[in-house]
């Protein structure tokens, strides 16, 4: 390239650079024109206690918020530790069409009293430059009937401030973008993020739960209010393992909308809600809910409640539990009765039959009486007897095989006779060998539990029933 061409190219680049610099400088100076004074007083003199109504208007939509005084119940604990329910009065913001988050409305009032950053233009010829040709209107109706209206425009090029002006005046001001966004609030911004009928929701308020993944039911469970535990009823009948299962209850009870996205959308597939990734169907405080989660964006899932028109997002950071395998959510013990509830246990295995007669005494252990195959157990051997019992009730599955249809003769049988029928007086646990030789199908009163146990568990050096049996026999031989 010749020198004169290089010079021409450099000249063009320089001209473009200067033009861009001038353009950006003019845009930046929009915040500085006509006045260089900072902190020019409050945007509006609005006392929160004096505001009785707020009207939000934009593009033909009007939202009227009315302040009302309601009575709410509050639990208090006195000096004796007794809990009492008291009623107190509270002022809240209401709208007939949706539940309002009163704290967010209070933020709008506080934003109205923010300090003006700058006077941008005392008498602008073209307000569209500031987004004030079609502004959002916020009207505060005071208790004395006076009205204060603010016009909210667009943001400055830097995004650090918002253009505003007082209704009936020409001057355009700038305020901080945080307060500007509050004043520009719409319906989705002030809606209550709590999706339940009451504010204080706990895990104990949930009584039923069914969980689906990619359209397939993973489990269905119901609570036992008396014991505070949960029972699976599908795909198998077994107690829930509360350490892991409680993660579902905790998330559901604490679930809130992060942000409202759309109302009555024509196409749910846009949010992945036509074919939900996860579904929670549950009963909370007597009300039935169905929550579906669709696509994930960043750390948020699109979500929707059945029979409600709103699409919203929920935080996905606490949802790791949805990928837990089912076996982690259930108690894998085939039958684990308390020794104090059992009067007799017959163990048939390895070609022998052991009879355990039990008179356990929770209140006075010294009065306990145990018999093993007709022999009374001495004090020094009672722990070994209990160990053998522990090995029996410790039989548990290590994998699920729900579609299996066990057949054949049981290789091991344990027959429990209970002191009281709760609900059964006699419970029979049977171990039927699997076809592949891995272990045993676990049966209870003739019904397959869905659980399979590996053979190795019987000989586990710490928990195996054969290990406990050997220790008991060795102890009895020493006593002899």
Protein backbone atom coordinates (compact mmCIF):
# COMPACT_ATOMS: atom_id res chain seq x y z
CA UNK A 1 0.00 0.00 0.00
CA UNK A 2 1.36 3.46 -0.97
CA UNK A 3 2.05 6.05 1.71
CA UNK A 4 -0.77 8.34 0.62
CA UNK A 5 -3.29 5.49 0.91
CA UNK A 6 -2.05 4.69 4.42
CA UNK A 7 -2.43 8.34 5.36
CA UNK A 8 -5.97 8.41 3.95
CA UNK A 9 -7.00 5.32 5.95
CA UNK A 10 -5.55 6.79 9.13
CA UNK A 11 -7.41 10.02 8.46
CA UNK A 12 -10.73 8.22 8.05
CA UNK A 13 -10.17 6.28 11.28
CA UNK A 14 -9.34 9.52 13.10
CA UNK A 15 -12.50 11.22 11.81
CA UNK A 16 -14.65 8.28 12.94
CA UNK A 17 -13.00 8.30 16.35
CA UNK A 18 -13.62 12.03 16.82
CA UNK A 19 -17.25 11.69 15.67
CA UNK A 20 -17.86 8.84 18.11
CA UNK A 21 -16.24 10.83 20.91
CA UNK A 22 -18.46 13.85 20.21
CA UNK A 23 -21.59 11.68 20.06
CA UNK A 24 -20.89 9.95 23.36
CA UNK A 25 -19.97 13.24 25.01
CA UNK A 26 -23.28 14.77 23.99
CA UNK A 27 -25.19 11.76 25.31
CA UNK A 28 -23.30 11.92 28.58
CA UNK A 29 -23.89 15.65 28.85
CA UNK A 30 -27.63 15.04 28.78
CA UNK A 31 -27.26 14.54 32.51
CA UNK A 32 -25.25 17.75 32.87
CA UNK A 33 -26.99 20.27 30.59
CA UNK A 34 -28.69 23.44 31.85
CA UNK A 35 -27.50 22.91 35.42
CA UNK A 36 -24.46 21.64 37.25
CA UNK A 37 -26.08 21.67 40.66
CA UNK A 38 -26.33 18.36 42.51
CA UNK A 39 -28.80 17.25 45.21
CA UNK A 40 -31.52 19.78 44.42
CA UNK A 41 -34.03 18.66 47.05
CA UNK A 42 -36.64 15.94 47.11
CA UNK A 43 -38.54 14.85 44.04
CA UNK A 44 -41.83 14.94 45.96
CA UNK A 45 -42.92 15.66 49.50
CA UNK A 46 -44.87 12.49 50.28
CA UNK A 47 -45.32 11.22 53.82
CA UNK A 48 -45.94 7.48 53.88
CA UNK A 49 -48.56 7.72 56.64
CA UNK A 50 -50.54 10.30 54.66
CA UNK A 51 -50.91 8.20 51.50
CA UNK A 52 -54.29 6.47 51.26
CA UNK A 53 -54.26 5.46 47.62
CA UNK A 54 -51.75 4.99 44.79
CA UNK A 55 -52.64 4.90 41.09
CA UNK A 56 -50.22 3.44 38.54
CA UNK A 57 -50.93 4.24 34.87
CA UNK A 58 -49.16 3.19 31.69
CA UNK A 59 -50.33 2.56 28.12
CA UNK A 60 -54.01 2.49 29.02
CA UNK A 61 -53.58 0.23 32.05
CA UNK A 62 -54.53 1.52 35.48
CA UNK A 63 -53.75 -0.16 38.80
CA UNK A 64 -55.37 1.24 41.93
CA UNK A 65 -53.83 0.37 45.29
CA UNK A 66 -55.78 1.11 48.45
CA UNK A 67 -54.45 1.10 51.98
CA UNK A 68 -56.58 -0.88 54.42
CA UNK A 69 -56.29 -1.84 58.05
CA UNK A 70 -56.69 -5.53 58.80
CA UNK A 71 -56.42 -7.80 61.83
CA UNK A 72 -53.75 -10.50 61.79
CA UNK A 73 -53.01 -13.29 64.23
CA UNK A 74 -49.59 -13.40 65.84
CA UNK A 75 -48.11 -16.07 68.08
CA UNK A 76 -46.21 -14.91 71.16
CA UNK A 77 -44.44 -16.77 73.94
CA UNK A 78 -44.87 -15.57 77.51
CA UNK A 79 -42.33 -15.77 80.34
CA UNK A 80 -43.57 -19.26 81.24
CA UNK A 81 -42.86 -20.55 77.75
CA UNK A 82 -46.53 -20.83 76.80
CA UNK A 83 -47.51 -19.91 73.26
CA UNK A 84 -50.47 -17.60 72.83
CA UNK A 85 -52.22 -16.30 69.74
CA UNK A 86 -52.85 -12.58 69.74
CA UNK A 87 -54.62 -10.34 67.26
CA UNK A 88 -53.05 -7.10 66.10
CA UNK A 89 -53.98 -4.46 63.55
CA UNK A 90 -51.83 -3.96 60.49
CA UNK A 91 -52.00 -1.61 57.49
CA UNK A 92 -51.63 -3.26 54.10
CA UNK A 93 -52.00 -2.35 50.44
CA UNK A 94 -54.72 -4.12 48.49
CA UNK A 95 -56.02 -4.54 44.97
CA UNK A 96 -59.19 -6.45 44.02
CA UNK A 97 -57.46 -8.37 41.21
CA UNK A 98 -54.28 -9.70 42.81
CA UNK A 99 -52.43 -10.07 46.11
CA UNK A 100 -50.12 -7.14 46.80
CA UNK A 101 -46.69 -7.15 48.42
CA UNK A 102 -47.15 -4.18 50.74
CA UNK A 103 -43.41 -3.77 51.32
CA UNK A 104 -42.85 -3.21 47.60
CA UNK A 105 -45.57 -0.56 47.51
CA UNK A 106 -43.97 1.16 50.49
CA UNK A 107 -40.75 1.22 48.45
CA UNK A 108 -42.57 3.23 45.77
CA UNK A 109 -43.56 5.83 48.36
CA UNK A 110 -40.00 6.03 49.68
CA UNK A 111 -38.67 6.42 46.14
CA UNK A 112 -40.98 9.41 45.57
CA UNK A 113 -39.12 11.26 48.30
CA UNK A 114 -35.70 10.57 46.81
CA UNK A 115 -33.24 13.40 46.23
CA UNK A 116 -32.99 14.82 42.71
CA UNK A 117 -29.56 14.24 41.19
CA UNK A 118 -29.68 16.90 38.49
CA UNK A 119 -31.95 19.19 36.57
CA UNK A 120 -31.54 17.88 33.03
CA UNK A 121 -33.58 20.42 31.06
CA UNK A 122 -35.75 23.27 32.31
CA UNK A 123 -37.84 23.52 29.15
CA UNK A 124 -37.25 20.64 26.73
CA UNK A 125 -38.60 20.89 23.20
CA UNK A 126 -38.68 17.13 22.66
CA UNK A 127 -39.49 15.05 25.76
CA UNK A 128 -39.27 11.80 23.78
CA UNK A 129 -35.50 12.06 24.21
CA UNK A 130 -36.14 11.32 27.88
CA UNK A 131 -38.86 8.71 27.36
CA UNK A 132 -41.45 11.16 28.69
CA UNK A 133 -43.66 11.24 25.59
CA UNK A 134 -45.34 8.09 26.93
CA UNK A 135 -44.40 8.08 30.61
CA UNK A 136 -45.47 5.89 33.47
CA UNK A 137 -47.67 7.89 35.83
CA UNK A 138 -47.60 7.44 39.60
CA UNK A 139 -50.27 9.31 41.53
CA UNK A 140 -50.24 9.48 45.32
CA UNK A 141 -53.62 10.36 46.84
CA UNK A 142 -53.18 11.81 50.32
CA UNK A 143 -55.60 11.57 53.21
CA UNK A 144 -56.54 15.26 52.78
CA UNK A 145 -57.54 14.65 49.15
CA UNK A 146 -54.43 16.21 47.64
CA UNK A 147 -52.83 14.36 44.72
CA UNK A 148 -49.16 14.23 43.78
CA UNK A 149 -48.36 12.81 40.33
CA UNK A 150 -44.95 11.95 38.94
CA UNK A 151 -44.02 11.09 35.35
CA UNK A 152 -41.38 8.38 34.94
CA UNK A 153 -39.40 8.24 31.70
CA UNK A 154 -36.46 6.22 30.47
CA UNK A 155 -32.95 5.72 31.76
CA UNK A 156 -29.87 7.74 30.93
CA UNK A 157 -27.37 6.26 28.42
CA UNK A 158 -25.18 5.04 31.28
CA UNK A 159 -28.12 3.36 33.00
CA UNK A 160 -27.18 5.00 36.28
CA UNK A 161 -30.12 7.40 36.46
CA UNK A 162 -33.78 7.73 35.48
CA UNK A 163 -35.53 10.70 33.86
CA UNK A 164 -38.55 12.03 35.74
CA UNK A 165 -40.66 15.14 36.07
CA UNK A 166 -43.52 16.40 38.17
CA UNK A 167 -46.92 16.41 36.47
CA UNK A 168 -47.87 19.90 35.27
CA UNK A 169 -44.24 21.04 35.15
CA UNK A 170 -41.85 21.15 32.20
CA UNK A 171 -38.50 20.59 33.90
CA UNK A 172 -36.89 17.17 33.50
CA UNK A 173 -34.82 15.77 36.36
CA UNK A 174 -32.66 12.72 36.92
CA UNK A 175 -32.77 10.46 39.97
CA UNK A 176 -30.91 7.26 40.83
CA UNK A 177 -31.92 4.29 38.70
CA UNK A 178 -32.77 2.19 41.79
CA UNK A 179 -35.46 4.62 42.91
CA UNK A 180 -36.46 5.15 39.30
CA UNK A 181 -37.20 1.48 38.85
CA UNK A 182 -39.31 1.51 42.01
CA UNK A 183 -41.39 4.41 40.69
CA UNK A 184 -41.76 2.65 37.33
CA UNK A 185 -43.21 -0.45 39.00
CA UNK A 186 -45.95 -2.34 37.22
CA UNK A 187 -48.27 -5.14 38.27
CA UNK A 188 -45.62 -7.88 38.21
CA UNK A 189 -43.29 -5.76 40.36
CA UNK A 190 -45.73 -5.32 43.26
CA UNK A 191 -47.44 -8.71 43.26
CA UNK A 192 -46.98 -10.83 46.38
CA UNK A 193 -44.28 -13.46 45.82
CA UNK A 194 -45.97 -15.73 48.35
CA UNK A 195 -48.13 -18.15 46.36
CA UNK A 196 -49.98 -19.62 49.34
CA UNK A 197 -53.05 -18.48 51.25
CA UNK A 198 -51.09 -17.73 54.41
CA UNK A 199 -47.71 -16.17 55.09
CA UNK A 200 -46.18 -18.54 57.63
CA UNK A 201 -46.00 -21.95 55.97
CA UNK A 202 -44.15 -24.88 57.52
CA UNK A 203 -43.34 -28.44 56.48
CA UNK A 204 -46.04 -29.73 58.83
CA UNK A 205 -48.72 -27.93 56.76
CA UNK A 206 -48.13 -30.38 53.89
CA UNK A 207 -50.14 -33.61 54.09
CA UNK A 208 -49.77 -35.26 50.67
CA UNK A 209 -47.11 -35.11 47.96
CA UNK A 210 -46.65 -36.67 44.53
CA UNK A 211 -43.50 -35.93 42.54
CA UNK A 212 -43.06 -36.36 38.77
CA UNK A 213 -39.94 -36.10 36.62
CA UNK A 214 -40.25 -35.66 32.84
CA UNK A 215 -43.88 -36.80 33.04
CA UNK A 216 -43.19 -39.99 35.01
CA UNK A 217 -44.33 -40.38 38.60
CA UNK A 218 -41.35 -40.91 40.91
CA UNK A 219 -43.35 -41.35 44.10
CA UNK A 220 -46.52 -40.52 45.99
CA UNK A 221 -46.58 -40.16 49.77
CA UNK A 222 -48.87 -39.17 52.63
CA UNK A 223 -48.06 -37.83 56.06
CA UNK A 224 -48.74 -39.49 59.39
CA UNK A 225 -49.65 -36.48 61.50
CA UNK A 226 -49.48 -38.41 64.77
CA UNK A 227 -45.90 -39.61 64.34
CA UNK A 228 -44.68 -36.73 62.19
CA UNK A 229 -43.42 -39.18 59.57
CA UNK A 230 -44.36 -39.88 55.95
CA UNK A 231 -45.38 -43.10 54.20
CA UNK A 232 -44.82 -43.88 50.55
CA UNK A 233 -47.91 -45.31 48.85
CA UNK A 234 -46.50 -45.49 45.30
CA UNK A 235 -44.60 -47.12 43.66
CA UNK A 236 -44.10 -49.12 46.89
CA UNK A 237 -45.53 -49.02 50.38
CA UNK A 238 -42.79 -48.10 52.84
CA UNK A 239 -41.87 -45.39 55.32
CA UNK A 240 -40.04 -42.36 53.95
CA UNK A 241 -36.47 -41.64 55.02
CA UNK A 242 -37.13 -38.24 56.58
CA UNK A 243 -33.55 -36.92 56.42
CA UNK A 244 -33.73 -36.79 52.62
CA UNK A 245 -37.50 -36.65 52.10
CA UNK A 246 -37.77 -33.56 54.26
CA UNK A 247 -35.80 -31.64 51.61
CA UNK A 248 -38.90 -31.81 49.39
CA UNK A 249 -41.13 -30.50 52.18
CA UNK A 250 -38.74 -27.73 53.15
CA UNK A 251 -38.43 -26.46 49.58
CA UNK A 252 -42.17 -26.58 48.89
CA UNK A 253 -43.10 -24.79 52.11
CA UNK A 254 -40.48 -22.09 51.53
CA UNK A 255 -41.04 -21.73 47.79
CA UNK A 256 -41.63 -18.17 46.55
CA UNK A 257 -41.82 -16.60 43.11
CA UNK A 258 -38.54 -14.89 42.23
CA UNK A 259 -40.03 -12.86 39.39
CA UNK A 260 -43.32 -12.82 37.49
CA UNK A 261 -42.78 -13.20 33.75
CA UNK A 262 -46.07 -13.41 31.84
CA UNK A 263 -49.82 -13.74 32.22
CA UNK A 264 -51.98 -16.03 30.07
CA UNK A 265 -49.21 -16.82 27.55
CA UNK A 266 -50.39 -18.34 24.28
CA UNK A 267 -47.47 -20.75 24.06
CA UNK A 268 -46.26 -22.61 27.16
CA UNK A 269 -43.48 -24.27 25.16
CA UNK A 270 -41.62 -20.96 25.21
CA UNK A 271 -40.99 -21.65 28.88
CA UNK A 272 -40.69 -25.43 28.67
CA UNK A 273 -44.00 -25.77 30.51
CA UNK A 274 -45.81 -27.74 27.82
CA UNK A 275 -43.68 -30.71 28.86
CA UNK A 276 -42.62 -29.94 32.44
CA UNK A 277 -39.28 -31.13 33.74
CA UNK A 278 -40.61 -31.48 37.28
CA UNK A 279 -44.07 -31.53 38.81
CA UNK A 280 -45.11 -31.30 42.45
CA UNK A 281 -48.72 -32.16 43.33
CA UNK A 282 -49.43 -31.62 47.00
CA UNK A 283 -51.93 -30.69 49.68
CA UNK A 284 -50.94 -27.76 51.86
CA UNK A 285 -53.11 -26.52 54.70
CA UNK A 286 -56.08 -28.32 53.15
CA UNK A 287 -55.62 -26.76 49.69
CA UNK A 288 -54.51 -28.75 46.63
CA UNK A 289 -51.63 -27.38 44.53
CA UNK A 290 -49.95 -28.49 41.32
CA UNK A 291 -46.65 -26.77 40.58
CA UNK A 292 -44.82 -27.43 37.31
CA UNK A 293 -41.26 -26.41 36.46
CA UNK A 294 -40.08 -26.01 32.88
CA UNK A 295 -36.91 -24.69 31.29
CA UNK A 296 -33.98 -23.45 33.33
CA UNK A 297 -32.34 -20.11 32.66
CA UNK A 298 -29.23 -19.27 34.65
CA UNK A 299 -30.22 -20.52 38.11
CA UNK A 300 -33.96 -20.00 37.71
CA UNK A 301 -36.72 -22.34 36.55
CA UNK A 302 -39.82 -21.13 34.74
CA UNK A 303 -42.81 -22.23 36.79
CA UNK A 304 -46.60 -22.22 36.82
CA UNK A 305 -49.35 -23.17 39.24
CA UNK A 306 -52.22 -25.15 37.77
CA UNK A 307 -55.41 -23.10 37.28
CA UNK A 308 -53.44 -19.86 37.57
CA UNK A 309 -52.56 -17.73 34.54
CA UNK A 310 -49.15 -16.49 35.69
CA UNK A 311 -45.72 -17.65 34.59
CA UNK A 312 -43.01 -16.95 37.14
CA UNK A 313 -39.51 -18.08 38.05
CA UNK A 314 -38.29 -19.94 41.13
CA UNK A 315 -34.77 -20.24 42.45
CA UNK A 316 -33.19 -23.52 41.43
CA UNK A 317 -30.23 -23.42 43.82
CA UNK A 318 -32.03 -25.53 46.43
CA UNK A 319 -33.46 -28.10 44.02
CA UNK A 320 -30.60 -30.61 44.01
CA UNK A 321 -32.80 -33.11 45.85
CA UNK A 322 -34.96 -33.72 42.76
CA UNK A 323 -32.28 -36.01 41.35
CA UNK A 324 -32.02 -38.20 44.45
CA UNK A 325 -32.66 -41.88 43.63
CA UNK A 326 -35.86 -43.25 45.09
CA UNK A 327 -34.00 -45.66 47.35
CA UNK A 328 -32.47 -42.67 49.16
CA UNK A 329 -35.96 -41.38 49.97
CA UNK A 330 -37.25 -44.51 51.68
CA UNK A 331 -36.49 -46.61 54.72
CA UNK A 332 -35.03 -49.81 53.34
CA UNK A 333 -35.61 -51.95 56.45
CA UNK A 334 -38.20 -54.60 55.66
CA UNK A 335 -39.55 -54.56 59.24
CA UNK A 336 -38.03 -52.78 62.21
CA UNK A 337 -40.25 -53.11 65.31
CA UNK A 338 -39.15 -51.87 68.71
CA UNK A 339 -38.07 -54.76 70.94
CA UNK A 340 -40.48 -53.49 73.61
CA UNK A 341 -43.41 -54.20 71.27
CA UNK A 342 -42.41 -57.81 70.47
CA UNK A 343 -43.14 -60.85 72.63
CA UNK A 344 -41.72 -63.57 70.37
CA UNK A 345 -39.46 -63.89 67.32
CA UNK A 346 -38.88 -67.12 65.41
CA UNK A 347 -35.89 -67.15 63.04
CA UNK A 348 -35.67 -69.90 60.41
CA UNK A 349 -32.37 -69.91 58.51
CA UNK A 350 -29.33 -72.05 57.77
CA UNK A 351 -31.29 -75.23 58.48
CA UNK A 352 -32.22 -74.35 62.06
CA UNK A 353 -35.10 -72.69 63.95
CA UNK A 354 -34.34 -70.22 66.75
CA UNK A 355 -37.00 -69.17 69.25
CA UNK A 356 -36.57 -65.82 70.97
CA UNK A 357 -39.00 -65.06 73.80
CA UNK A 358 -38.90 -61.40 74.80
CA UNK A 359 -40.04 -59.59 77.93
CA UNK A 360 -38.26 -56.27 77.48
CA UNK A 361 -38.89 -53.56 80.08
CA UNK A 362 -38.26 -49.96 79.11
CA UNK A 363 -38.91 -48.52 82.59
CA UNK A 364 -36.96 -51.13 84.56
CA UNK A 365 -34.32 -53.04 82.52
CA UNK A 366 -33.43 -55.14 85.58
CA UNK A 367 -36.79 -56.88 85.25
CA UNK A 368 -36.22 -57.90 81.65
CA UNK A 369 -36.44 -61.60 80.86
CA UNK A 370 -35.18 -63.17 77.62
CA UNK A 371 -35.24 -66.80 76.46
CA UNK A 372 -33.27 -68.27 73.57
CA UNK A 373 -34.43 -71.72 72.46
CA UNK A 374 -35.84 -72.35 75.93
CA UNK A 375 -32.75 -71.14 77.78
CA UNK A 376 -33.05 -68.14 80.06
CA UNK A 377 -30.49 -65.49 79.20
CA UNK A 378 -28.21 -64.40 82.04
CA UNK A 379 -27.54 -60.72 82.71
CA UNK A 380 -24.07 -60.80 81.12
CA UNK A 381 -25.50 -62.23 77.88
CA UNK A 382 -28.50 -59.92 77.45
CA UNK A 383 -26.56 -57.57 75.19
CA UNK A 384 -25.71 -60.53 72.93
CA UNK A 385 -29.38 -61.53 72.81
CA UNK A 386 -30.31 -57.98 71.89
CA UNK A 387 -27.60 -58.05 69.23
CA UNK A 388 -29.16 -61.10 67.56
CA UNK A 389 -32.52 -59.31 67.62
CA UNK A 390 -30.79 -56.26 66.13
CA UNK A 391 -29.43 -58.38 63.30
CA UNK A 392 -32.95 -59.61 62.53
CA UNK A 393 -34.58 -56.19 62.33
CA UNK A 394 -31.52 -54.84 60.48
CA UNK A 395 -32.36 -56.81 57.34
CA UNK A 396 -32.77 -54.18 54.63
CA UNK A 397 -32.73 -53.75 50.88
CA UNK A 398 -29.81 -52.25 49.01
CA UNK A 399 -31.54 -51.92 45.65
CA UNK A 400 -35.01 -51.54 44.13
CA UNK A 401 -36.50 -53.99 41.64
CA UNK A 402 -40.11 -52.89 41.40
CA UNK A 403 -41.15 -55.04 38.44
CA UNK A 404 -39.92 -58.35 39.87
CA UNK A 405 -42.36 -61.17 40.59
CA UNK A 406 -40.71 -63.32 43.24
CA UNK A 407 -41.49 -67.03 43.21
CA UNK A 408 -40.12 -70.08 44.92
CA UNK A 409 -39.47 -71.08 48.49
CA UNK A 410 -38.21 -68.67 51.11
CA UNK A 411 -34.67 -69.44 52.23
CA UNK A 412 -34.98 -67.36 55.40
CA UNK A 413 -38.11 -66.62 57.43
CA UNK A 414 -38.61 -64.38 60.48
CA UNK A 415 -41.94 -64.50 62.32
CA UNK A 416 -42.70 -61.69 64.77
CA UNK A 417 -45.49 -62.01 67.32
CA UNK A 418 -46.40 -58.60 68.68
CA UNK A 419 -47.75 -57.73 72.11
CA UNK A 420 -50.53 -55.76 70.42
CA UNK A 421 -51.87 -55.76 66.88
CA UNK A 422 -50.63 -52.50 65.29
CA UNK A 423 -52.24 -53.37 62.94
CA UNK A 424 -50.99 -56.96 62.68
CA UNK A 425 -50.51 -59.33 65.61
CA UNK A 426 -48.17 -61.50 63.51
CA UNK A 427 -45.71 -60.23 60.90
CA UNK A 428 -43.80 -62.67 58.68
CA UNK A 429 -40.65 -61.55 56.85
CA UNK A 430 -39.39 -63.87 54.10
CA UNK A 431 -36.26 -63.81 51.97
CA UNK A 432 -36.74 -65.48 48.57
CA UNK A 433 -33.57 -66.02 46.48
CA UNK A 434 -33.21 -63.92 43.31
CA UNK A 435 -32.80 -65.73 40.00
CA UNK A 436 -29.33 -64.30 39.38
CA UNK A 437 -27.95 -65.40 42.73
CA UNK A 438 -27.32 -61.82 43.89
CA UNK A 439 -29.42 -62.01 47.00
CA UNK A 440 -33.01 -62.05 48.16
CA UNK A 441 -36.37 -60.53 47.39
CA UNK A 442 -37.72 -59.09 50.65
CA UNK A 443 -41.30 -60.12 51.43
CA UNK A 444 -43.59 -59.00 54.25
CA UNK A 445 -46.77 -60.90 55.06
CA UNK A 446 -46.73 -62.45 51.60
CA UNK A 447 -46.34 -59.16 49.72
CA UNK A 448 -43.22 -58.21 47.79
CA UNK A 449 -41.72 -54.99 49.13
CA UNK A 450 -39.93 -53.98 45.92
CA UNK A 451 -36.60 -54.28 47.76
CA UNK A 452 -33.73 -56.64 47.05
CA UNK A 453 -30.95 -57.44 49.55
CA UNK A 454 -27.51 -58.74 48.68
CA UNK A 455 -26.41 -62.00 50.33
CA UNK A 456 -23.30 -60.34 51.71
CA UNK A 457 -25.38 -58.37 54.20
CA UNK A 458 -26.09 -61.53 56.21
CA UNK A 459 -22.38 -61.91 56.99
CA UNK A 460 -21.51 -58.24 57.49
CA UNK A 461 -18.91 -58.12 60.26
CA UNK A 462 -20.73 -55.30 62.04
CA UNK A 463 -24.43 -55.68 61.25
CA UNK A 464 -24.95 -59.12 59.73
CA UNK A 465 -27.46 -61.43 61.43
CA UNK A 466 -25.06 -64.38 61.12
CA UNK A 467 -22.36 -62.34 62.85
CA UNK A 468 -24.68 -61.55 65.76
CA UNK A 469 -25.76 -65.20 65.98
CA UNK A 470 -22.16 -66.40 66.26
CA UNK A 471 -21.44 -63.87 69.01
CA UNK A 472 -24.51 -65.01 70.95
CA UNK A 473 -23.56 -68.69 70.71
CA UNK A 474 -19.95 -67.96 71.71
CA UNK A 475 -21.18 -65.98 74.73
CA UNK A 476 -23.56 -68.73 75.82
CA UNK A 477 -20.81 -71.35 75.49
CA UNK A 478 -18.53 -69.28 77.71
CA UNK A 479 -21.29 -69.00 80.30
CA UNK A 480 -21.59 -72.80 80.29
